[in-house]
Amino acid sequence: MIGTLRSAFLAGALMATAATGAEVTHEIISFSDLDGWEKDDQAAALAVFQNTCDLMDAPDWRNLCALAKAQSPENARAYFELFFRPVVIRDEQAPLFTGYFEPELDGARRPGGPYRYPIYKMPPEARSTTQWLTRDDILNSGVMQGRGLEIAWVDDPVELFFLQIQGSGRIRLADGGIIRVGYAGSNGRNYRSIGVELVRRGIYKAHQVSADVIKNWVRRNPDAGRQLLLHNPSYVFFVERKRLRAQEGPRGAMNRSITALRSVAVDPKFTPLGAPVWLEKDGEGKMRRLMIAQDTGSAIKGAQRADIFFGTGEVAGQAAGRLRDPGRMVVFIPIQRAYALLEGDGE
């Protein structure tokens, strides 16, 4: 999947995860209650929904998928309004929307010159245990050397660290080629936010921390920066995605390509993977649009928690990095299933 750790350096340690046993409520609203619904491009959302709906297991979802694939674009709005009900799912956490992206790094197939920092495949022994060596051990003990586990080498250890946070990326080669890499697994260690650590040390205030701020601080302070990165014991391994075409987005948690500004990562405890979700993101650059829940992330916890995929490259990364806003998320649920959830609240 693309991002099991993304946004954790900002959001993961700054917000509490949903408490066990926290009260969850469901409210069915009408489509007229969705701010901006009539202005959105439902046909674009329908195409993204069609890309993964066949992977949903429940019979009612499968039936709706078959109907979705028979719709023409001009019928998209009527399709959603006829077969779904908008449901607001709430727990004790305040709503929070963040963003993520697919980074691009410069690299090579073989080490040399500036390309000294390897992107690793997952070792077999790391797969056979729930918790393996720490980041420090992996990078400094020699355990990875001489085993042919390198996919590529890149020129910037800081960008490599943030590639692990995003969980997927593109490596640009000098000859113009591209290597696509995706999440293969981790060492099982809990993520420690380096952004939160900078705040704890008094170097920055919480509102000042961003990906660019962290990167610049590490580069200005190379020795202390290397130690800061080791503060996070979690380590992500990758797999080369040879079948992904250049124009396709990275694969999400459903193992299908995701779409910029139409795919969103959610907490599957509350929102079914593959479900349409209506996002009303407030703050700067308000966003009102229908997206599809096609990804997850370890920092994405809560009924009103969502991570919006912004696309590939530096511009997408800047937009994603600025996003930390409140709002409302509404999940589109098949009609009978929606009313069953409401009945469950009354038990």
Protein backbone atom coordinates (compact mmCIF):
# COMPACT_ATOMS: atom_id res chain seq x y z
CA MET A 1 0.00 0.00 0.00
CA ILE A 2 1.17 3.56 -0.47
CA GLY A 3 1.42 5.03 2.97
CA THR A 4 1.32 3.17 6.22
CA LEU A 5 3.38 5.88 7.93
CA ARG A 6 2.60 9.02 5.96
CA SER A 7 1.36 12.00 7.98
CA ALA A 8 2.56 10.30 11.14
CA PHE A 9 5.45 12.75 11.51
CA LEU A 10 2.86 15.52 11.82
CA ALA A 11 -0.38 14.03 12.95
CA GLY A 12 0.36 10.67 14.49
CA ALA A 13 1.70 11.84 17.82
CA LEU A 14 -0.20 15.11 17.94
CA MET A 15 -3.63 13.52 18.10
CA ALA A 16 -4.92 10.69 20.24
CA THR A 17 -6.09 7.55 18.55
CA ALA A 18 -9.68 6.47 19.04
CA ALA A 19 -10.16 5.14 22.52
CA THR A 20 -11.17 1.53 22.82
CA GLY A 21 -14.90 1.38 23.33
CA ALA A 22 -15.42 5.03 22.37
CA GLU A 23 -19.00 5.81 21.39
CA VAL A 24 -19.64 5.73 17.64
CA THR A 25 -22.78 7.28 16.19
CA HIS A 26 -24.34 7.23 12.73
CA GLU A 27 -26.53 9.93 11.21
CA ILE A 28 -28.27 9.56 7.86
CA ILE A 29 -28.58 12.86 6.02
CA SER A 30 -29.95 13.81 2.62
CA PHE A 31 -27.97 14.62 -0.49
CA SER A 32 -29.29 18.18 -0.26
CA ASP A 33 -27.37 18.47 3.04
CA LEU A 34 -24.06 17.95 1.24
CA ASP A 35 -22.43 21.33 0.72
CA GLY A 36 -21.58 21.69 -2.97
CA TRP A 37 -22.92 18.29 -4.07
CA GLU A 38 -24.66 19.70 -7.14
CA LYS A 39 -21.40 21.34 -8.33
CA ASP A 40 -19.11 18.31 -8.18
CA ASP A 41 -18.10 16.02 -11.06
CA GLN A 42 -19.77 12.80 -9.93
CA ALA A 43 -18.77 11.10 -13.20
CA ALA A 44 -15.09 11.43 -12.28
CA ALA A 45 -15.78 9.88 -8.88
CA LEU A 46 -17.82 7.08 -10.45
CA ALA A 47 -14.88 6.12 -12.68
CA VAL A 48 -12.61 5.87 -9.63
CA PHE A 49 -15.26 3.86 -7.75
CA GLN A 50 -15.48 1.44 -10.68
CA ASN A 51 -11.74 0.81 -10.45
CA THR A 52 -11.95 -0.99 -7.08
CA CYS A 53 -15.59 -1.77 -6.29
CA ASP A 54 -15.24 -5.32 -7.64
CA LEU A 55 -12.87 -6.03 -4.74
CA MET A 56 -15.54 -5.42 -2.10
CA ASP A 57 -16.76 -8.66 -0.54
CA ALA A 58 -20.33 -8.07 0.64
CA PRO A 59 -23.12 -9.04 -1.79
CA ASP A 60 -24.83 -5.63 -1.64
CA TRP A 61 -21.59 -3.87 -2.56
CA ARG A 62 -20.93 -6.34 -5.39
CA ASN A 63 -24.41 -5.76 -6.79
CA LEU A 64 -23.93 -2.01 -6.67
CA CYS A 65 -20.58 -2.42 -8.39
CA ALA A 66 -22.20 -4.26 -11.29
CA LEU A 67 -24.75 -1.47 -11.59
CA ALA A 68 -21.99 1.16 -11.41
CA LYS A 69 -20.15 -0.40 -14.33
CA ALA A 70 -23.32 -0.23 -16.42
CA GLN A 71 -23.79 3.52 -15.87
CA SER A 72 -22.99 6.19 -18.40
CA PRO A 73 -21.12 9.26 -17.08
CA GLU A 74 -24.18 11.48 -17.32
CA ASN A 75 -26.07 9.13 -14.97
CA ALA A 76 -23.40 9.23 -12.24
CA ARG A 77 -25.19 11.63 -9.89
CA ALA A 78 -28.50 9.79 -10.20
CA TYR A 79 -26.71 6.48 -9.52
CA PHE A 80 -25.28 7.65 -6.21
CA GLU A 81 -28.51 9.30 -5.11
CA LEU A 82 -30.63 6.27 -5.98
CA PHE A 83 -28.60 3.48 -4.39
CA PHE A 84 -26.82 5.09 -1.43
CA ARG A 85 -27.56 7.09 1.67
CA PRO A 86 -25.06 9.65 3.03
CA VAL A 87 -24.04 8.65 6.57
CA VAL A 88 -22.07 10.82 9.00
CA ILE A 89 -20.05 8.53 11.26
CA ARG A 90 -18.69 10.15 14.41
CA ASP A 91 -16.53 9.06 17.31
CA GLU A 92 -14.89 11.09 20.08
CA GLN A 93 -12.16 12.52 17.85
CA ALA A 94 -12.35 15.88 16.16
CA PRO A 95 -12.35 15.76 12.34
CA LEU A 96 -8.94 16.13 10.72
CA PHE A 97 -7.92 16.08 7.06
CA THR A 98 -4.31 15.82 5.89
CA GLY A 99 -2.69 15.07 2.53
CA TYR A 100 -0.15 12.70 1.03
CA PHE A 101 1.59 12.25 -2.32
CA GLU A 102 3.95 10.09 -4.38
CA PRO A 103 7.47 11.56 -4.11
CA GLU A 104 10.08 11.58 -6.88
CA LEU A 105 13.76 10.97 -6.05
CA ASP A 106 16.91 10.96 -8.17
CA GLY A 107 18.71 7.63 -8.20
CA ALA A 108 20.56 4.87 -10.02
CA ARG A 109 20.44 1.11 -10.43
CA ARG A 110 23.99 0.84 -9.05
CA PRO A 111 25.85 2.80 -6.38
CA GLY A 112 28.33 5.46 -7.35
CA GLY A 113 28.92 9.19 -7.10
CA PRO A 114 26.10 10.81 -5.12
CA TYR A 115 23.97 7.65 -5.21
CA ARG A 116 25.00 6.11 -1.89
CA TYR A 117 21.75 5.48 -0.06
CA PRO A 118 19.98 2.19 -0.86
CA ILE A 119 16.29 1.46 -1.12
CA TYR A 120 15.91 -2.03 0.32
CA LYS A 121 13.70 -5.00 -0.39
CA MET A 122 12.33 -6.76 2.67
CA PRO A 123 14.63 -9.48 4.06
CA PRO A 124 13.01 -12.90 4.56
CA GLU A 125 13.74 -12.89 8.30
CA ALA A 126 11.88 -9.58 8.70
CA ARG A 127 8.76 -11.21 7.24
CA SER A 128 8.84 -14.08 9.70
CA THR A 129 8.60 -11.97 12.85
CA THR A 130 6.26 -9.29 14.13
CA GLN A 131 9.16 -7.09 15.22
CA TRP A 132 12.60 -6.99 13.64
CA LEU A 133 15.72 -4.82 14.00
CA THR A 134 15.48 -1.07 14.58
CA ARG A 135 16.27 1.58 11.96
CA ASP A 136 19.68 2.09 13.60
CA ASP A 137 20.47 -1.63 13.42
CA ILE A 138 19.33 -1.92 9.80
CA LEU A 139 21.42 1.02 8.63
CA ASN A 140 24.53 0.64 10.76
CA SER A 141 25.06 -3.01 11.71
CA GLY A 142 25.89 -4.32 8.21
CA VAL A 143 23.02 -6.82 8.31
CA MET A 144 21.75 -5.72 4.86
CA GLN A 145 25.05 -5.70 3.00
CA GLY A 146 26.10 -8.21 0.36
CA ARG A 147 22.67 -9.80 0.04
CA GLY A 148 21.36 -8.24 -3.17
CA LEU A 149 18.49 -6.54 -1.36
CA GLU A 150 19.02 -3.16 -2.98
CA ILE A 151 16.41 -2.00 -5.52
CA ALA A 152 18.20 1.28 -6.29
CA TRP A 153 20.42 3.92 -4.72
CA VAL A 154 19.39 7.56 -4.22
CA ASP A 155 21.33 10.72 -3.52
CA ASP A 156 19.53 12.08 -0.46
CA PRO A 157 18.99 10.21 2.84
CA VAL A 158 16.43 12.77 3.97
CA GLU A 159 14.26 12.25 0.88
CA LEU A 160 14.65 8.50 1.38
CA PHE A 161 13.36 8.86 4.95
CA PHE A 162 10.30 10.72 3.68
CA LEU A 163 9.81 8.18 0.91
CA GLN A 164 9.32 5.66 3.70
CA ILE A 165 6.71 7.90 5.29
CA GLN A 166 4.77 8.14 2.03
CA GLY A 167 5.22 4.42 1.33
CA SER A 168 5.51 4.72 -2.46
CA GLY A 169 7.48 6.72 -5.00
CA ARG A 170 9.29 7.13 -8.30
CA ILE A 171 13.05 6.99 -8.75
CA ARG A 172 14.25 9.08 -11.70
CA LEU A 173 17.30 7.62 -13.47
CA ALA A 174 19.93 9.62 -15.35
CA ASP A 175 18.98 7.94 -18.65
CA GLY A 176 15.40 9.14 -18.32
CA GLY A 177 14.01 5.88 -16.99
CA ILE A 178 11.77 5.54 -13.97
CA ILE A 179 11.68 2.93 -11.19
CA ARG A 180 8.35 2.68 -9.36
CA VAL A 181 8.55 1.39 -5.79
CA GLY A 182 5.76 0.50 -3.37
CA TYR A 183 5.35 -0.56 0.21
CA ALA A 184 6.47 -4.15 0.91
CA GLY A 185 6.43 -4.21 4.71
CA SER A 186 8.13 -2.80 7.77
CA ASN A 187 10.28 -3.91 10.67
CA GLY A 188 7.26 -3.82 12.96
CA ARG A 189 8.59 -1.04 15.19
CA ASN A 190 6.27 1.75 16.30
CA TYR A 191 6.75 5.03 14.48
CA ARG A 192 8.18 7.93 16.48
CA SER A 193 7.44 11.31 14.97
CA ILE A 194 10.59 13.35 14.35
CA GLY A 195 8.44 16.45 13.98
CA VAL A 196 7.09 15.94 17.48
CA GLU A 197 10.65 15.31 18.71
CA LEU A 198 11.76 18.69 17.34
CA VAL A 199 8.87 20.29 19.19
CA ARG A 200 9.77 18.41 22.39
CA ARG A 201 13.34 19.71 22.17
CA GLY A 202 12.04 23.27 21.89
CA ILE A 203 13.48 23.78 18.39
CA TYR A 204 10.08 24.53 16.85
CA LYS A 205 6.52 25.18 17.93
CA ALA A 206 3.94 22.60 16.84
CA HIS A 207 2.35 24.93 14.28
CA GLN A 208 5.74 25.52 12.63
CA VAL A 209 6.48 21.87 11.83
CA SER A 210 6.13 20.68 8.24
CA ALA A 211 7.96 18.25 5.99
CA ASP A 212 10.01 21.07 4.43
CA VAL A 213 10.92 22.50 7.84
CA ILE A 214 12.12 19.09 9.02
CA LYS A 215 14.11 18.44 5.84
CA ASN A 216 15.81 21.82 5.99
CA TRP A 217 16.73 21.42 9.66
CA VAL A 218 18.28 17.98 9.05
CA ARG A 219 20.32 19.33 6.13
CA ARG A 220 21.53 22.33 8.10
CA ASN A 221 22.52 20.08 11.00
CA PRO A 222 23.90 16.93 9.32
CA ASP A 223 25.27 15.16 12.42
CA ALA A 224 22.33 15.99 14.67
CA GLY A 225 20.04 15.37 11.69
CA ARG A 226 21.26 11.79 11.22
CA GLN A 227 20.62 11.13 14.90
CA LEU A 228 17.18 12.71 14.64
CA LEU A 229 16.21 10.33 11.83
CA LEU A 230 17.37 7.41 13.97
CA HIS A 231 14.96 8.60 16.68
CA ASN A 232 12.33 6.83 14.60
CA PRO A 233 12.99 3.07 14.96
CA SER A 234 10.44 2.15 12.28
CA TYR A 235 11.83 1.17 8.87
CA VAL A 236 9.93 0.54 5.63
CA PHE A 237 10.97 -1.88 2.88
CA PHE A 238 9.92 -1.63 -0.75
CA VAL A 239 9.09 -3.69 -3.80
CA GLU A 240 9.62 -2.61 -7.40
CA ARG A 241 6.32 -2.08 -9.21
CA LYS A 242 7.29 -3.12 -12.72
CA ARG A 243 3.75 -3.38 -14.07
CA LEU A 244 2.70 0.16 -13.20
CA ARG A 245 2.56 2.41 -16.24
CA ALA A 246 3.99 5.92 -16.00
CA GLN A 247 0.56 7.56 -16.18
CA GLU A 248 -0.90 5.39 -13.40
CA GLY A 249 -0.98 6.41 -9.77
CA PRO A 250 0.65 4.29 -7.06
CA ARG A 251 -1.22 1.35 -5.61
CA GLY A 252 -3.28 1.86 -2.51
CA ALA A 253 -4.41 -0.58 0.15
CA MET A 254 -6.74 -2.28 -2.36
CA ASN A 255 -3.74 -3.03 -4.63
CA ARG A 256 -5.09 -0.87 -7.44
CA SER A 257 -3.82 2.49 -8.64
CA ILE A 258 -5.17 5.50 -6.80
CA THR A 259 -6.21 8.82 -8.33
CA ALA A 260 -5.13 12.33 -7.41
CA LEU A 261 -7.82 14.28 -5.54
CA ARG A 262 -10.31 11.44 -5.93
CA SER A 263 -8.69 8.77 -3.70
CA VAL A 264 -8.56 9.09 0.06
CA ALA A 265 -7.06 7.08 2.91
CA VAL A 266 -9.41 6.28 5.80
CA ASP A 267 -9.67 4.19 8.93
CA PRO A 268 -11.28 0.92 7.72
CA LYS A 269 -12.60 0.35 11.25
CA PHE A 270 -15.24 2.95 10.40
CA THR A 271 -15.25 3.34 6.59
CA PRO A 272 -15.33 0.33 4.22
CA LEU A 273 -12.46 0.28 1.75
CA GLY A 274 -13.90 1.02 -1.67
CA ALA A 275 -16.79 3.13 -0.37
CA PRO A 276 -17.58 6.58 -1.82
CA VAL A 277 -16.99 9.37 0.71
CA TRP A 278 -18.05 12.98 0.48
CA LEU A 279 -15.41 15.38 1.84
CA GLU A 280 -16.10 18.88 3.08
CA LYS A 281 -12.62 20.15 3.91
CA ASP A 282 -12.61 23.57 5.54
CA GLY A 283 -9.68 25.94 6.10
CA GLU A 284 -7.60 27.46 3.33
CA GLY A 285 -8.63 26.23 -0.10
CA LYS A 286 -11.95 24.67 0.85
CA MET A 287 -12.64 21.36 -0.85
CA ARG A 288 -16.05 19.85 -1.57
CA ARG A 289 -15.91 16.66 -3.60
CA LEU A 290 -16.76 12.99 -3.83
CA MET A 291 -13.79 10.67 -3.30
CA ILE A 292 -13.30 6.94 -2.93
CA ALA A 293 -11.81 5.30 0.17
CA GLN A 294 -9.01 3.29 -1.45
CA ASP A 295 -6.14 3.51 1.02
CA THR A 296 -5.19 3.34 4.70
CA GLY A 297 -2.39 4.63 6.93
CA SER A 298 -1.13 4.00 10.43
CA ALA A 299 -1.74 7.64 11.38
CA ILE A 300 -5.25 7.59 9.90
CA LYS A 301 -7.33 6.66 12.93
CA GLY A 302 -10.87 7.77 13.62
CA ALA A 303 -14.27 8.05 12.00
CA GLN A 304 -13.64 11.60 10.77
CA ARG A 305 -9.96 11.19 9.87
CA ALA A 306 -8.93 11.25 6.19
CA ASP A 307 -5.75 11.61 4.15
CA ILE A 308 -6.22 13.02 0.63
CA PHE A 309 -3.97 11.80 -2.20
CA PHE A 310 -2.61 14.79 -4.12
CA GLY A 311 -0.66 13.06 -6.89
CA THR A 312 3.02 12.79 -7.84
CA GLY A 313 6.00 15.10 -7.51
CA GLU A 314 7.10 18.29 -5.79
CA VAL A 315 4.00 20.40 -6.43
CA ALA A 316 1.74 17.65 -5.11
CA GLY A 317 4.02 17.26 -2.11
CA GLN A 318 3.87 20.95 -1.27
CA ALA A 319 0.09 20.97 -1.45
CA ALA A 320 -0.20 17.81 0.64
CA GLY A 321 2.26 19.09 3.22
CA ARG A 322 0.26 22.26 3.84
CA LEU A 323 -2.99 20.42 4.51
CA ARG A 324 -4.10 20.05 8.11
CA ASP A 325 -7.71 21.16 8.27
CA PRO A 326 -11.04 20.40 9.93
CA GLY A 327 -14.25 19.59 8.10
CA ARG A 328 -16.71 16.76 7.67
CA MET A 329 -16.60 13.36 5.99
CA VAL A 330 -19.79 11.61 4.89
CA VAL A 331 -19.72 7.95 3.86
CA PHE A 332 -22.06 6.69 1.14
CA ILE A 333 -23.56 3.42 2.37
CA PRO A 334 -25.97 1.06 0.54
CA ILE A 335 -29.50 1.89 1.66
CA GLN A 336 -30.39 -1.19 3.73
CA ARG A 337 -26.94 -1.27 5.31
CA ALA A 338 -27.23 2.42 6.22
CA TYR A 339 -30.52 1.97 8.08
CA ALA A 340 -29.16 -1.13 9.82
CA LEU A 341 -26.32 1.00 11.20
CA LEU A 342 -28.86 3.48 12.52
CA GLU A 343 -30.83 0.72 14.21
CA GLY A 344 -27.61 -0.54 15.81
CA ASP A 345 -27.10 2.85 17.47
CA GLY A 346 -30.43 2.48 19.22
CA GLU A 347 -29.65 -0.88 20.81
